[in-house]
Amino acid sequence: MPHLETAGADAGDRSSLLKAVETTARPATVIAPVGPEYTRTVHHSGNRFFATAEMAEIFSAQAERTVQSGQTELIPLLHSSGVELLLVSPQTVFAVVTIEVGRPKVL
């Protein structure tokens, strides 16, 4: 049986607009998280950034080109907390690592 409640423009307004809300119990549904899937970790100068595979690959490709050319550049990285401009030069130590989640093998 539906439950009826009054909805109006504000708390004092009890207009004739009625909204029916069904109160039947339903099984809980697991909803997958919405948004990007962070599957890579970018390590740079002692910092760790979680990024999508696509963003990490874009950063890595640009960083490799910069190192091979012997130049120094600020390279953008879009990650889980925002955007960073990371300084990359031939002396910069950085790594892009795939995040792997699983169970350890029991011997």
Protein backbone atom coordinates (compact mmCIF):
# COMPACT_ATOMS: atom_id res chain seq x y z
CA MET A 1 0.00 0.00 0.00
CA PRO A 2 1.47 3.37 -0.98
CA HIS A 3 2.21 5.99 1.65
CA LEU A 4 1.08 9.52 0.75
CA GLU A 5 2.98 12.60 1.81
CA THR A 6 2.49 16.27 1.03
CA ALA A 7 5.20 18.06 -0.94
CA GLY A 8 5.26 21.84 -1.35
CA ALA A 9 7.50 24.78 -2.14
CA ASP A 10 8.35 25.25 1.56
CA ALA A 11 7.50 23.71 4.93
CA GLY A 12 4.51 26.04 5.49
CA ASP A 13 2.95 25.39 2.08
CA ARG A 14 0.68 22.34 2.10
CA SER A 15 -0.54 22.48 -1.50
CA SER A 16 -2.69 19.83 -3.10
CA LEU A 17 0.35 18.26 -4.72
CA LEU A 18 0.59 14.75 -3.36
CA LYS A 19 3.43 12.41 -3.93
CA ALA A 20 2.95 8.67 -3.58
CA VAL A 21 5.88 6.84 -2.09
CA GLU A 22 5.84 3.08 -2.16
CA THR A 23 6.91 1.57 1.15
CA THR A 24 7.39 -2.03 0.04
CA ALA A 25 10.59 -3.64 1.32
CA ARG A 26 13.07 -4.49 -1.42
CA PRO A 27 16.29 -6.50 -1.26
CA ALA A 28 19.47 -4.47 -0.86
CA THR A 29 21.29 -3.84 -4.11
CA VAL A 30 25.05 -3.48 -4.39
CA ILE A 31 25.88 -0.52 -6.61
CA ALA A 32 29.31 -0.36 -8.21
CA PRO A 33 31.25 2.86 -7.54
CA VAL A 34 30.75 5.51 -10.17
CA GLY A 35 33.78 7.29 -11.56
CA PRO A 36 37.20 6.45 -12.85
CA GLU A 37 38.94 3.23 -11.92
CA TYR A 38 42.35 4.01 -10.45
CA THR A 39 44.50 1.06 -11.50
CA ARG A 40 47.96 2.68 -11.59
CA THR A 41 50.25 4.24 -9.01
CA VAL A 42 52.67 6.92 -10.18
CA HIS A 43 55.70 7.25 -7.90
CA HIS A 44 57.53 10.59 -8.25
CA SER A 45 60.01 12.22 -5.86
CA GLY A 46 58.79 10.28 -2.83
CA ASN A 47 55.12 10.94 -3.59
CA ARG A 48 52.47 8.44 -4.66
CA PHE A 49 49.58 9.35 -6.99
CA PHE A 50 46.66 7.06 -7.94
CA ALA A 51 45.71 7.43 -11.60
CA THR A 52 43.67 5.71 -14.28
CA ALA A 53 45.54 3.52 -16.75
CA GLU A 54 45.02 6.07 -19.52
CA MET A 55 46.29 9.06 -17.51
CA ALA A 56 49.29 7.12 -16.19
CA GLU A 57 50.24 6.03 -19.71
CA ILE A 58 49.96 9.59 -21.04
CA PHE A 59 52.19 10.84 -18.21
CA SER A 60 54.67 8.00 -18.68
CA ALA A 61 54.97 8.52 -22.45
CA GLN A 62 55.54 12.28 -22.07
CA ALA A 63 58.03 11.74 -19.23
CA GLU A 64 59.99 9.17 -21.29
CA ARG A 65 60.16 11.58 -24.27
CA THR A 66 61.40 14.34 -21.96
CA VAL A 67 64.10 12.13 -20.41
CA GLN A 68 65.26 10.83 -23.82
CA SER A 69 65.55 14.36 -25.21
CA GLY A 70 67.62 15.47 -22.21
CA GLN A 71 65.15 18.28 -21.42
CA THR A 72 63.41 19.31 -18.20
CA GLU A 73 59.63 19.84 -18.24
CA LEU A 74 56.62 20.17 -15.99
CA ILE A 75 54.30 17.33 -17.01
CA PRO A 76 50.65 17.29 -15.88
CA LEU A 77 49.21 14.24 -14.14
CA LEU A 78 45.48 13.91 -13.52
CA HIS A 79 45.06 11.67 -10.46
CA SER A 80 42.57 10.76 -7.74
CA SER A 81 43.09 14.02 -5.79
CA GLY A 82 43.27 16.44 -8.70
CA VAL A 83 45.99 17.61 -11.08
CA GLU A 84 49.71 17.94 -10.38
CA LEU A 85 52.49 19.41 -12.50
CA LEU A 86 55.42 17.06 -11.95
CA LEU A 87 58.97 18.16 -12.76
CA VAL A 88 60.68 15.59 -14.97
CA SER A 89 64.33 15.73 -16.04
CA PRO A 90 66.95 13.11 -16.94
CA GLN A 91 67.82 12.90 -13.20
CA THR A 92 64.21 12.42 -12.02
CA VAL A 93 63.31 9.04 -10.57
CA PHE A 94 59.72 8.01 -11.30
CA ALA A 95 57.76 4.82 -11.89
CA VAL A 96 54.29 3.83 -13.04
CA VAL A 97 53.10 0.64 -11.36
CA THR A 98 49.94 -1.41 -11.95
CA ILE A 99 47.85 -1.87 -8.81
CA GLU A 100 47.19 -5.58 -8.34
CA VAL A 101 44.68 -6.83 -5.82
CA GLY A 102 44.39 -10.49 -4.97
CA ARG A 103 44.97 -13.17 -2.42
CA PRO A 104 48.41 -14.47 -1.53
CA LYS A 105 49.12 -18.01 -2.61
CA VAL A 106 49.08 -20.37 0.38
CA LEU A 107 51.76 -23.05 0.22
